[in-house]
Full PDB file with SEQRES, HELIX, SHEET, SSBOND, CRYST1, ORIGX, SCALE, CONECT and MASTER records, all heavy atoms in Angstrom:
SEQRES   1 A   39  VAL VAL MET GLY ALA ALA PHE GLY GLN PRO THR ILE PRO          
SEQRES   2 A   39  VAL ASP THR HIS VAL TYR ARG VAL SER HIS ARG LEU GLY          
SEQRES   3 A   39  LEU SER GLN GLY LYS THR PRO ASP ASP VAL GLU ARG ASP          
HELIX    1 AA1 VAL A    2  ALA A    5  1                                   4    
HELIX    2 AA2 THR A   16  LEU A   25  1                                  10    
HELIX    3 AA3 PRO A   33  ARG A   38  1                                   6    
CRYST1    1.000    1.000    1.000  90.00  90.00  90.00 P 1           1          
ORIGX1      1.000000  0.000000  0.000000        0.00000                         
ORIGX2      0.000000  1.000000  0.000000        0.00000                         
ORIGX3      0.000000  0.000000  1.000000        0.00000                         
SCALE1      1.000000  0.000000  0.000000        0.00000                         
SCALE2      0.000000  1.000000  0.000000        0.00000                         
SCALE3      0.000000  0.000000  1.000000        0.00000                         
ATOM      1  N   VAL A   1       9.719  -0.630   1.346  1.00  0.00           N  
ATOM      2  CA  VAL A   1      10.092  -1.779   2.302  1.00  0.00           C  
ATOM      3  C   VAL A   1      11.197  -1.564   3.110  1.00  0.00           C  
ATOM      4  O   VAL A   1      11.362  -1.730   4.230  1.00  0.00           O  
ATOM      5  CB  VAL A   1      10.087  -3.114   1.570  1.00  0.00           C  
ATOM      6  CG1 VAL A   1      10.606  -4.178   2.400  1.00  0.00           C  
ATOM      7  CG2 VAL A   1       8.787  -3.492   0.886  1.00  0.00           C  
ATOM      8  N   VAL A   2      12.318  -1.096   2.392  1.00  0.00           N  
ATOM      9  CA  VAL A   2      13.616  -0.852   2.962  1.00  0.00           C  
ATOM     10  C   VAL A   2      13.459   0.328   3.972  1.00  0.00           C  
ATOM     11  O   VAL A   2      13.982   0.231   5.139  1.00  0.00           O  
ATOM     12  CB  VAL A   2      14.670  -0.538   1.987  1.00  0.00           C  
ATOM     13  CG1 VAL A   2      15.963   0.000   2.620  1.00  0.00           C  
ATOM     14  CG2 VAL A   2      14.853  -1.783   1.101  1.00  0.00           C  
ATOM     15  N   MET A   3      12.847   1.378   3.594  1.00  0.00           N  
ATOM     16  CA  MET A   3      12.621   2.520   4.507  1.00  0.00           C  
ATOM     17  C   MET A   3      11.962   2.218   5.638  1.00  0.00           C  
ATOM     18  O   MET A   3      12.210   2.582   6.899  1.00  0.00           O  
ATOM     19  CB  MET A   3      11.954   3.625   3.778  1.00  0.00           C  
ATOM     20  CG  MET A   3      12.807   4.322   2.689  1.00  0.00           C  
ATOM     21  SD  MET A   3      11.805   5.323   1.513  1.00  0.00           S  
ATOM     22  CE  MET A   3      11.140   6.534   2.557  1.00  0.00           C  
ATOM     23  N   GLY A   4      10.917   1.228   5.535  1.00  0.00           N  
ATOM     24  CA  GLY A   4      10.044   0.890   6.816  1.00  0.00           C  
ATOM     25  C   GLY A   4      10.685  -0.102   7.678  1.00  0.00           C  
ATOM     26  O   GLY A   4      10.812   0.048   8.796  1.00  0.00           O  
ATOM     27  N   ALA A   5      11.269  -1.220   6.968  1.00  0.00           N  
ATOM     28  CA  ALA A   5      11.843  -2.330   7.800  1.00  0.00           C  
ATOM     29  C   ALA A   5      13.259  -2.030   8.371  1.00  0.00           C  
ATOM     30  O   ALA A   5      13.570  -2.372   9.442  1.00  0.00           O  
ATOM     31  CB  ALA A   5      11.954  -3.543   6.914  1.00  0.00           C  
ATOM     32  N   ALA A   6      14.110  -1.333   7.595  1.00  0.00           N  
ATOM     33  CA  ALA A   6      15.487  -1.052   7.988  1.00  0.00           C  
ATOM     34  C   ALA A   6      15.607   0.266   8.768  1.00  0.00           C  
ATOM     35  O   ALA A   6      16.409   0.373   9.708  1.00  0.00           O  
ATOM     36  CB  ALA A   6      16.287  -0.990   6.782  1.00  0.00           C  
ATOM     37  N   PHE A   7      14.771   1.240   8.450  1.00  0.00           N  
ATOM     38  CA  PHE A   7      14.978   2.494   9.118  1.00  0.00           C  
ATOM     39  C   PHE A   7      13.734   3.051   9.933  1.00  0.00           C  
ATOM     40  O   PHE A   7      13.733   4.251  10.369  1.00  0.00           O  
ATOM     41  CB  PHE A   7      15.217   3.632   7.986  1.00  0.00           C  
ATOM     42  CG  PHE A   7      16.501   3.205   7.208  1.00  0.00           C  
ATOM     43  CD1 PHE A   7      16.484   2.792   5.901  1.00  0.00           C  
ATOM     44  CD2 PHE A   7      17.797   3.249   7.880  1.00  0.00           C  
ATOM     45  CE1 PHE A   7      17.611   2.482   5.187  1.00  0.00           C  
ATOM     46  CE2 PHE A   7      18.816   2.891   7.200  1.00  0.00           C  
ATOM     47  CZ  PHE A   7      18.848   2.564   5.865  1.00  0.00           C  
ATOM     48  N   GLY A   8      12.652   2.256   9.977  1.00  0.00           N  
ATOM     49  CA  GLY A   8      11.546   2.624  10.839  1.00  0.00           C  
ATOM     50  C   GLY A   8      10.666   3.668  10.415  1.00  0.00           C  
ATOM     51  O   GLY A   8      10.104   4.329  11.264  1.00  0.00           O  
ATOM     52  N   GLN A   9      10.693   3.948   9.124  1.00  0.00           N  
ATOM     53  CA  GLN A   9       9.792   5.048   8.549  1.00  0.00           C  
ATOM     54  C   GLN A   9       8.424   4.545   8.346  1.00  0.00           C  
ATOM     55  O   GLN A   9       8.125   3.404   8.029  1.00  0.00           O  
ATOM     56  CB  GLN A   9      10.511   5.568   7.372  1.00  0.00           C  
ATOM     57  CG  GLN A   9      11.899   6.164   7.631  1.00  0.00           C  
ATOM     58  CD  GLN A   9      12.507   6.813   6.415  1.00  0.00           C  
ATOM     59  OE1 GLN A   9      11.771   7.307   5.509  1.00  0.00           O  
ATOM     60  NE2 GLN A   9      13.847   6.763   6.383  1.00  0.00           N  
ATOM     61  N   PRO A  10       7.509   5.474   8.433  1.00  0.00           N  
ATOM     62  CA  PRO A  10       6.075   5.098   8.315  1.00  0.00           C  
ATOM     63  C   PRO A  10       5.591   5.003   6.889  1.00  0.00           C  
ATOM     64  O   PRO A  10       4.796   5.726   6.298  1.00  0.00           O  
ATOM     65  CB  PRO A  10       5.272   6.334   9.032  1.00  0.00           C  
ATOM     66  CG  PRO A  10       6.181   7.496   8.793  1.00  0.00           C  
ATOM     67  CD  PRO A  10       7.650   6.920   8.831  1.00  0.00           C  
ATOM     68  N   THR A  11       6.118   3.974   6.210  1.00  0.00           N  
ATOM     69  CA  THR A  11       5.823   3.765   4.816  1.00  0.00           C  
ATOM     70  C   THR A  11       4.734   2.643   4.605  1.00  0.00           C  
ATOM     71  O   THR A  11       4.524   1.845   5.545  1.00  0.00           O  
ATOM     72  CB  THR A  11       7.066   3.258   3.953  1.00  0.00           C  
ATOM     73  OG1 THR A  11       7.590   2.079   4.644  1.00  0.00           O  
ATOM     74  CG2 THR A  11       8.139   4.379   4.073  1.00  0.00           C  
ATOM     75  N   ILE A  12       4.046   2.662   3.497  1.00  0.00           N  
ATOM     76  CA  ILE A  12       3.119   1.580   3.188  1.00  0.00           C  
ATOM     77  C   ILE A  12       3.482   1.089   1.815  1.00  0.00           C  
ATOM     78  O   ILE A  12       2.954   1.544   0.784  1.00  0.00           O  
ATOM     79  CB  ILE A  12       1.673   2.085   3.240  1.00  0.00           C  
ATOM     80  CG1 ILE A  12       1.342   2.646   4.637  1.00  0.00           C  
ATOM     81  CG2 ILE A  12       0.705   0.907   2.983  1.00  0.00           C  
ATOM     82  CD1 ILE A  12      -0.150   3.040   4.799  1.00  0.00           C  
ATOM     83  N   PRO A  13       4.301   0.065   1.738  1.00  0.00           N  
ATOM     84  CA  PRO A  13       4.621  -0.510   0.432  1.00  0.00           C  
ATOM     85  C   PRO A  13       3.340  -1.213  -0.108  1.00  0.00           C  
ATOM     86  O   PRO A  13       2.624  -1.943   0.556  1.00  0.00           O  
ATOM     87  CB  PRO A  13       5.786  -1.536   0.678  1.00  0.00           C  
ATOM     88  CG  PRO A  13       6.231  -1.085   2.032  1.00  0.00           C  
ATOM     89  CD  PRO A  13       5.154  -0.533   2.802  1.00  0.00           C  
ATOM     90  N   VAL A  14       3.132  -1.047  -1.384  1.00  0.00           N  
ATOM     91  CA  VAL A  14       1.882  -1.756  -2.027  1.00  0.00           C  
ATOM     92  C   VAL A  14       2.405  -2.683  -3.076  1.00  0.00           C  
ATOM     93  O   VAL A  14       2.876  -2.287  -4.154  1.00  0.00           O  
ATOM     94  CB  VAL A  14       1.023  -0.595  -2.630  1.00  0.00           C  
ATOM     95  CG1 VAL A  14      -0.221  -1.258  -3.342  1.00  0.00           C  
ATOM     96  CG2 VAL A  14       0.484   0.351  -1.548  1.00  0.00           C  
ATOM     97  N   ASP A  15       2.182  -3.950  -2.702  1.00  0.00           N  
ATOM     98  CA  ASP A  15       2.524  -5.113  -3.723  1.00  0.00           C  
ATOM     99  C   ASP A  15       1.182  -5.522  -4.260  1.00  0.00           C  
ATOM    100  O   ASP A  15       0.136  -4.959  -4.024  1.00  0.00           O  
ATOM    101  CB  ASP A  15       3.339  -6.082  -2.985  1.00  0.00           C  
ATOM    102  CG  ASP A  15       2.633  -6.896  -1.885  1.00  0.00           C  
ATOM    103  OD1 ASP A  15       1.458  -6.488  -1.560  1.00  0.00           O  
ATOM    104  OD2 ASP A  15       3.212  -7.869  -1.405  1.00  0.00           O  
ATOM    105  N   THR A  16       1.201  -6.631  -4.924  1.00  0.00           N  
ATOM    106  CA  THR A  16      -0.060  -7.176  -5.492  1.00  0.00           C  
ATOM    107  C   THR A  16      -0.993  -7.590  -4.381  1.00  0.00           C  
ATOM    108  O   THR A  16      -2.234  -7.426  -4.545  1.00  0.00           O  
ATOM    109  CB  THR A  16       0.304  -8.414  -6.389  1.00  0.00           C  
ATOM    110  OG1 THR A  16       1.018  -9.411  -5.612  1.00  0.00           O  
ATOM    111  CG2 THR A  16       1.009  -7.956  -7.547  1.00  0.00           C  
ATOM    112  N   HIS A  17      -0.555  -8.167  -3.222  1.00  0.00           N  
ATOM    113  CA  HIS A  17      -1.424  -8.549  -2.119  1.00  0.00           C  
ATOM    114  C   HIS A  17      -2.191  -7.234  -1.496  1.00  0.00           C  
ATOM    115  O   HIS A  17      -3.338  -7.228  -1.306  1.00  0.00           O  
ATOM    116  CB  HIS A  17      -0.638  -9.278  -1.086  1.00  0.00           C  
ATOM    117  CG  HIS A  17      -0.092 -10.633  -1.477  1.00  0.00           C  
ATOM    118  ND1 HIS A  17      -0.912 -11.612  -1.950  1.00  0.00           N  
ATOM    119  CD2 HIS A  17       1.097 -11.050  -1.532  1.00  0.00           C  
ATOM    120  CE1 HIS A  17      -0.146 -12.637  -2.245  1.00  0.00           C  
ATOM    121  NE2 HIS A  17       1.111 -12.410  -2.032  1.00  0.00           N  
ATOM    122  N   VAL A  18      -1.317  -6.302  -1.179  1.00  0.00           N  
ATOM    123  CA  VAL A  18      -1.889  -5.132  -0.600  1.00  0.00           C  
ATOM    124  C   VAL A  18      -2.841  -4.504  -1.509  1.00  0.00           C  
ATOM    125  O   VAL A  18      -3.978  -3.954  -1.088  1.00  0.00           O  
ATOM    126  CB  VAL A  18      -0.732  -4.117  -0.154  1.00  0.00           C  
ATOM    127  CG1 VAL A  18      -1.323  -2.829   0.430  1.00  0.00           C  
ATOM    128  CG2 VAL A  18       0.205  -4.784   0.858  1.00  0.00           C  
ATOM    129  N   TYR A  19      -2.508  -4.415  -2.786  1.00  0.00           N  
ATOM    130  CA  TYR A  19      -3.384  -3.765  -3.846  1.00  0.00           C  
ATOM    131  C   TYR A  19      -4.724  -4.570  -3.904  1.00  0.00           C  
ATOM    132  O   TYR A  19      -5.802  -3.863  -3.823  1.00  0.00           O  
ATOM    133  CB  TYR A  19      -2.653  -3.763  -5.139  1.00  0.00           C  
ATOM    134  CG  TYR A  19      -3.488  -3.024  -6.298  1.00  0.00           C  
ATOM    135  CD1 TYR A  19      -3.360  -1.757  -6.503  1.00  0.00           C  
ATOM    136  CD2 TYR A  19      -4.378  -3.767  -7.065  1.00  0.00           C  
ATOM    137  CE1 TYR A  19      -4.017  -1.029  -7.488  1.00  0.00           C  
ATOM    138  CE2 TYR A  19      -4.964  -3.111  -8.059  1.00  0.00           C  
ATOM    139  CZ  TYR A  19      -4.903  -1.731  -8.307  1.00  0.00           C  
ATOM    140  OH  TYR A  19      -5.527  -1.160  -9.345  1.00  0.00           O  
ATOM    141  N   ARG A  20      -4.711  -5.821  -3.989  1.00  0.00           N  
ATOM    142  CA  ARG A  20      -5.905  -6.710  -4.146  1.00  0.00           C  
ATOM    143  C   ARG A  20      -6.689  -6.553  -2.900  1.00  0.00           C  
ATOM    144  O   ARG A  20      -7.941  -6.349  -2.913  1.00  0.00           O  
ATOM    145  CB  ARG A  20      -5.533  -8.077  -4.384  1.00  0.00           C  
ATOM    146  CG  ARG A  20      -6.685  -9.005  -4.477  1.00  0.00           C  
ATOM    147  CD  ARG A  20      -6.238 -10.469  -4.689  1.00  0.00           C  
ATOM    148  NE  ARG A  20      -5.653 -11.092  -3.576  1.00  0.00           N  
ATOM    149  CZ  ARG A  20      -4.359 -11.313  -3.346  1.00  0.00           C  
ATOM    150  NH1 ARG A  20      -3.509 -10.977  -4.256  1.00  0.00           N  
ATOM    151  NH2 ARG A  20      -3.929 -11.906  -2.206  1.00  0.00           N  
ATOM    152  N   VAL A  21      -6.149  -6.735  -1.721  1.00  0.00           N  
ATOM    153  CA  VAL A  21      -6.932  -6.795  -0.427  1.00  0.00           C  
ATOM    154  C   VAL A  21      -7.546  -5.377  -0.142  1.00  0.00           C  
ATOM    155  O   VAL A  21      -8.627  -5.366   0.387  1.00  0.00           O  
ATOM    156  CB  VAL A  21      -6.102  -7.329   0.651  1.00  0.00           C  
ATOM    157  CG1 VAL A  21      -6.799  -7.278   2.022  1.00  0.00           C  
ATOM    158  CG2 VAL A  21      -5.641  -8.794   0.407  1.00  0.00           C  
ATOM    159  N   SER A  22      -6.789  -4.445  -0.384  1.00  0.00           N  
ATOM    160  CA  SER A  22      -7.255  -3.010  -0.152  1.00  0.00           C  
ATOM    161  C   SER A  22      -8.509  -2.748  -0.945  1.00  0.00           C  
ATOM    162  O   SER A  22      -9.510  -2.154  -0.448  1.00  0.00           O  
ATOM    163  CB  SER A  22      -6.269  -1.998  -0.420  1.00  0.00           C  
ATOM    164  OG  SER A  22      -5.154  -2.110   0.397  1.00  0.00           O  
ATOM    165  N   HIS A  23      -8.642  -3.197  -2.170  1.00  0.00           N  
ATOM    166  CA  HIS A  23      -9.824  -3.064  -3.003  1.00  0.00           C  
ATOM    167  C   HIS A  23     -10.914  -3.979  -2.531  1.00  0.00           C  
ATOM    168  O   HIS A  23     -12.130  -3.532  -2.427  1.00  0.00           O  
ATOM    169  CB  HIS A  23      -9.443  -3.439  -4.489  1.00  0.00           C  
ATOM    170  CG  HIS A  23      -8.777  -2.318  -5.203  1.00  0.00           C  
ATOM    171  ND1 HIS A  23      -7.482  -2.061  -5.164  1.00  0.00           N  
ATOM    172  CD2 HIS A  23      -9.301  -1.355  -6.076  1.00  0.00           C  
ATOM    173  CE1 HIS A  23      -7.149  -0.970  -5.824  1.00  0.00           C  
ATOM    174  NE2 HIS A  23      -8.235  -0.581  -6.431  1.00  0.00           N  
ATOM    175  N   ARG A  24     -10.658  -5.106  -2.205  1.00  0.00           N  
ATOM    176  CA  ARG A  24     -11.678  -6.096  -1.707  1.00  0.00           C  
ATOM    177  C   ARG A  24     -12.297  -5.578  -0.426  1.00  0.00           C  
ATOM    178  O   ARG A  24     -13.554  -5.603  -0.291  1.00  0.00           O  
ATOM    179  CB  ARG A  24     -11.238  -7.484  -1.498  1.00  0.00           C  
ATOM    180  CG  ARG A  24     -10.906  -8.258  -2.767  1.00  0.00           C  
ATOM    181  CD  ARG A  24     -10.341  -9.643  -2.506  1.00  0.00           C  
ATOM    182  NE  ARG A  24     -10.278 -10.404  -3.646  1.00  0.00           N  
ATOM    183  CZ  ARG A  24      -9.654 -11.610  -3.772  1.00  0.00           C  
ATOM    184  NH1 ARG A  24      -9.031 -12.076  -2.534  1.00  0.00           N  
ATOM    185  NH2 ARG A  24      -9.516 -12.354  -4.799  1.00  0.00           N  
ATOM    186  N   LEU A  25     -11.478  -5.117   0.497  1.00  0.00           N  
ATOM    187  CA  LEU A  25     -12.001  -4.604   1.812  1.00  0.00           C  
ATOM    188  C   LEU A  25     -12.722  -3.305   1.672  1.00  0.00           C  
ATOM    189  O   LEU A  25     -13.610  -2.962   2.541  1.00  0.00           O  
ATOM    190  CB  LEU A  25     -10.878  -4.372   2.793  1.00  0.00           C  
ATOM    191  CG  LEU A  25     -10.180  -5.681   3.199  1.00  0.00           C  
ATOM    192  CD1 LEU A  25      -8.956  -5.402   4.140  1.00  0.00           C  
ATOM    193  CD2 LEU A  25     -11.170  -6.625   4.024  1.00  0.00           C  
ATOM    194  N   GLY A  26     -12.413  -2.602   0.678  1.00  0.00           N  
ATOM    195  CA  GLY A  26     -13.034  -1.234   0.481  1.00  0.00           C  
ATOM    196  C   GLY A  26     -12.275  -0.120   1.151  1.00  0.00           C  
ATOM    197  O   GLY A  26     -12.712   0.922   1.397  1.00  0.00           O  
ATOM    198  N   LEU A  27     -10.928  -0.390   1.307  1.00  0.00           N  
ATOM    199  CA  LEU A  27     -10.006   0.634   1.934  1.00  0.00           C  
ATOM    200  C   LEU A  27      -9.578   1.512   0.831  1.00  0.00           C  
ATOM    201  O   LEU A  27      -9.204   2.710   1.128  1.00  0.00           O  
ATOM    202  CB  LEU A  27      -8.817  -0.118   2.520  1.00  0.00           C  
ATOM    203  CG  LEU A  27      -9.098  -1.104   3.644  1.00  0.00           C  
ATOM    204  CD1 LEU A  27      -7.878  -1.776   4.193  1.00  0.00           C  
ATOM    205  CD2 LEU A  27      -9.820  -0.271   4.807  1.00  0.00           C  
ATOM    206  N   SER A  28      -9.586   1.088  -0.417  1.00  0.00           N  
ATOM    207  CA  SER A  28      -9.198   2.003  -1.496  1.00  0.00           C  
ATOM    208  C   SER A  28      -9.810   1.565  -2.810  1.00  0.00           C  
ATOM    209  O   SER A  28     -10.069   0.318  -2.977  1.00  0.00           O  
ATOM    210  CB  SER A  28      -7.597   2.016  -1.671  1.00  0.00           C  
ATOM    211  OG  SER A  28      -7.207   2.661  -2.836  1.00  0.00           O  
ATOM    212  N   GLN A  29     -10.074   2.463  -3.721  1.00  0.00           N  
ATOM    213  CA  GLN A  29     -10.462   2.257  -5.042  1.00  0.00           C  
ATOM    214  C   GLN A  29      -9.476   2.743  -6.051  1.00  0.00           C  
ATOM    215  O   GLN A  29      -9.732   2.924  -7.195  1.00  0.00           O  
ATOM    216  CB  GLN A  29     -11.855   2.789  -5.346  1.00  0.00           C  
ATOM    217  CG  GLN A  29     -12.935   2.209  -4.481  1.00  0.00           C  
ATOM    218  CD  GLN A  29     -13.007   0.678  -4.644  1.00  0.00           C  
ATOM    219  OE1 GLN A  29     -13.181   0.110  -5.742  1.00  0.00           O  
ATOM    220  NE2 GLN A  29     -13.168  -0.035  -3.537  1.00  0.00           N  
ATOM    221  N   GLY A  30      -8.236   3.030  -5.529  1.00  0.00           N  
ATOM    222  CA  GLY A  30      -7.206   3.608  -6.397  1.00  0.00           C  
ATOM    223  C   GLY A  30      -6.875   2.664  -7.561  1.00  0.00           C  
ATOM    224  O   GLY A  30      -6.841   1.497  -7.426  1.00  0.00           O  
ATOM    225  N   LYS A  31      -6.611   3.279  -8.715  1.00  0.00           N  
ATOM    226  CA  LYS A  31      -6.367   2.499  -9.928  1.00  0.00           C  
ATOM    227  C   LYS A  31      -4.927   2.087 -10.094  1.00  0.00           C  
ATOM    228  O   LYS A  31      -4.567   1.243 -10.873  1.00  0.00           O  
ATOM    229  CB  LYS A  31      -6.791   3.437 -11.192  1.00  0.00           C  
ATOM    230  CG  LYS A  31      -8.287   3.686 -11.233  1.00  0.00           C  
ATOM    231  CD  LYS A  31      -8.640   4.410 -12.483  1.00  0.00           C  
ATOM    232  CE  LYS A  31     -10.128   4.690 -12.540  1.00  0.00           C  
ATOM    233  NZ  LYS A  31     -10.448   5.506 -13.757  1.00  0.00           N  
ATOM    234  N   THR A  32      -4.099   2.745  -9.258  1.00  0.00           N  
ATOM    235  CA  THR A  32      -2.670   2.362  -9.283  1.00  0.00           C  
ATOM    236  C   THR A  32      -2.036   2.061  -7.933  1.00  0.00           C  
ATOM    237  O   THR A  32      -2.671   2.474  -6.905  1.00  0.00           O  
ATOM    238  CB  THR A  32      -1.792   3.517  -9.982  1.00  0.00           C  
ATOM    239  OG1 THR A  32      -1.746   4.520  -9.063  1.00  0.00           O  
ATOM    240  CG2 THR A  32      -2.287   3.872 -11.345  1.00  0.00           C  
ATOM    241  N   PRO A  33      -0.967   1.382  -7.829  1.00  0.00           N  
ATOM    242  CA  PRO A  33      -0.420   1.144  -6.444  1.00  0.00           C  
ATOM    243  C   PRO A  33      -0.126   2.477  -5.762  1.00  0.00           C  
ATOM    244  O   PRO A  33      -0.326   2.550  -4.547  1.00  0.00           O  
ATOM    245  CB  PRO A  33       0.924   0.382  -6.845  1.00  0.00           C  
ATOM    246  CG  PRO A  33       0.567  -0.316  -8.038  1.00  0.00           C  
ATOM    247  CD  PRO A  33      -0.182   0.473  -8.815  1.00  0.00           C  
ATOM    248  N   ASP A  34       0.289   3.493  -6.429  1.00  0.00           N  
ATOM    249  CA  ASP A  34       0.512   4.755  -5.836  1.00  0.00           C  
ATOM    250  C   ASP A  34      -0.727   5.396  -5.357  1.00  0.00           C  
ATOM    251  O   ASP A  34      -0.788   5.947  -4.219  1.00  0.00           O  
ATOM    252  CB  ASP A  34       1.176   5.791  -6.851  1.00  0.00           C  
ATOM    253  CG  ASP A  34       2.605   5.538  -7.127  1.00  0.00           C  
ATOM    254  OD1 ASP A  34       3.199   4.547  -6.585  1.00  0.00           O  
ATOM    255  OD2 ASP A  34       3.169   6.168  -8.079  1.00  0.00           O  
ATOM    256  N   ASP A  35      -1.841   5.185  -5.952  1.00  0.00           N  
ATOM    257  CA  ASP A  35      -3.156   5.662  -5.532  1.00  0.00           C  
ATOM    258  C   ASP A  35      -3.498   5.053  -4.237  1.00  0.00           C  
ATOM    259  O   ASP A  35      -4.036   5.667  -3.323  1.00  0.00           O  
ATOM    260  CB  ASP A  35      -4.250   5.475  -6.597  1.00  0.00           C  
ATOM    261  CG  ASP A  35      -4.068   6.296  -7.829  1.00  0.00           C  
ATOM    262  OD1 ASP A  35      -3.465   7.355  -7.738  1.00  0.00           O  
ATOM    263  OD2 ASP A  35      -4.610   5.859  -8.830  1.00  0.00           O  
ATOM    264  N   VAL A  36      -3.343   3.664  -4.189  1.00  0.00           N  
ATOM    265  CA  VAL A  36      -3.639   2.819  -3.022  1.00  0.00           C  
ATOM    266  C   VAL A  36      -2.862   3.310  -1.842  1.00  0.00           C  
ATOM    267  O   VAL A  36      -3.242   3.469  -0.679  1.00  0.00           O  
ATOM    268  CB  VAL A  36      -3.525   1.344  -3.362  1.00  0.00           C  
ATOM    269  CG1 VAL A  36      -3.692   0.546  -2.061  1.00  0.00           C  
ATOM    270  CG2 VAL A  36      -4.495   0.907  -4.356  1.00  0.00           C  
ATOM    271  N   GLU A  37      -1.530   3.498  -2.115  1.00  0.00           N  
ATOM    272  CA  GLU A  37      -0.609   3.995  -1.063  1.00  0.00           C  
ATOM    273  C   GLU A  37      -1.099   5.288  -0.437  1.00  0.00           C  
ATOM    274  O   GLU A  37      -1.092   5.409   0.779  1.00  0.00           O  
ATOM    275  CB  GLU A  37       0.828   4.048  -1.617  1.00  0.00           C  
ATOM    276  CG  GLU A  37       1.823   4.565  -0.591  1.00  0.00           C  
ATOM    277  CD  GLU A  37       3.226   4.878  -1.201  1.00  0.00           C  
ATOM    278  OE1 GLU A  37       3.512   4.345  -2.227  1.00  0.00           O  
ATOM    279  OE2 GLU A  37       3.979   5.611  -0.577  1.00  0.00           O  
ATOM    280  N   ARG A  38      -1.541   6.170  -1.344  1.00  0.00           N  
ATOM    281  CA  ARG A  38      -2.001   7.490  -0.877  1.00  0.00           C  
ATOM    282  C   ARG A  38      -3.228   7.333   0.048  1.00  0.00           C  
ATOM    283  O   ARG A  38      -3.447   7.901   1.079  1.00  0.00           O  
ATOM    284  CB  ARG A  38      -2.249   8.452  -2.055  1.00  0.00           C  
ATOM    285  CG  ARG A  38      -0.974   9.099  -2.553  1.00  0.00           C  
ATOM    286  CD  ARG A  38      -1.392  10.217  -3.525  1.00  0.00           C  
ATOM    287  NE  ARG A  38      -1.899   9.702  -4.766  1.00  0.00           N  
ATOM    288  CZ  ARG A  38      -1.175   9.408  -5.818  1.00  0.00           C  
ATOM    289  NH1 ARG A  38       0.154   9.479  -5.806  1.00  0.00           N  
ATOM    290  NH2 ARG A  38      -1.709   8.969  -6.915  1.00  0.00           N  
ATOM    291  N   ASP A  39      -4.213   6.448  -0.469  1.00  0.00           N  
ATOM    292  CA  ASP A  39      -5.455   6.282   0.304  1.00  0.00           C  
ATOM    293  C   ASP A  39      -5.156   5.653   1.641  1.00  0.00           C  
ATOM    294  O   ASP A  39      -5.694   6.128   2.698  1.00  0.00           O  
ATOM    295  CB  ASP A  39      -6.434   5.349  -0.516  1.00  0.00           C  
ATOM    296  CG  ASP A  39      -6.970   5.979  -1.693  1.00  0.00           C  
ATOM    297  OD1 ASP A  39      -7.033   7.290  -1.714  1.00  0.00           O  
ATOM    298  OD2 ASP A  39      -7.470   5.277  -2.561  1.00  0.00           O  
TER     299      ASP A  39                                                      
MASTER        0    0    0    3    0    0    0    6  298    1    0    3          
END                                                                             
């Protein structure tokens, strides 16, 4: 979050919302937040 919001870096922070919605939409089936971030 800090790298993206403060320094404009292309990061994808994965919190509980991002993890849940990514699975529901079918954007990722990753088992961990790191897996979802990579997908």
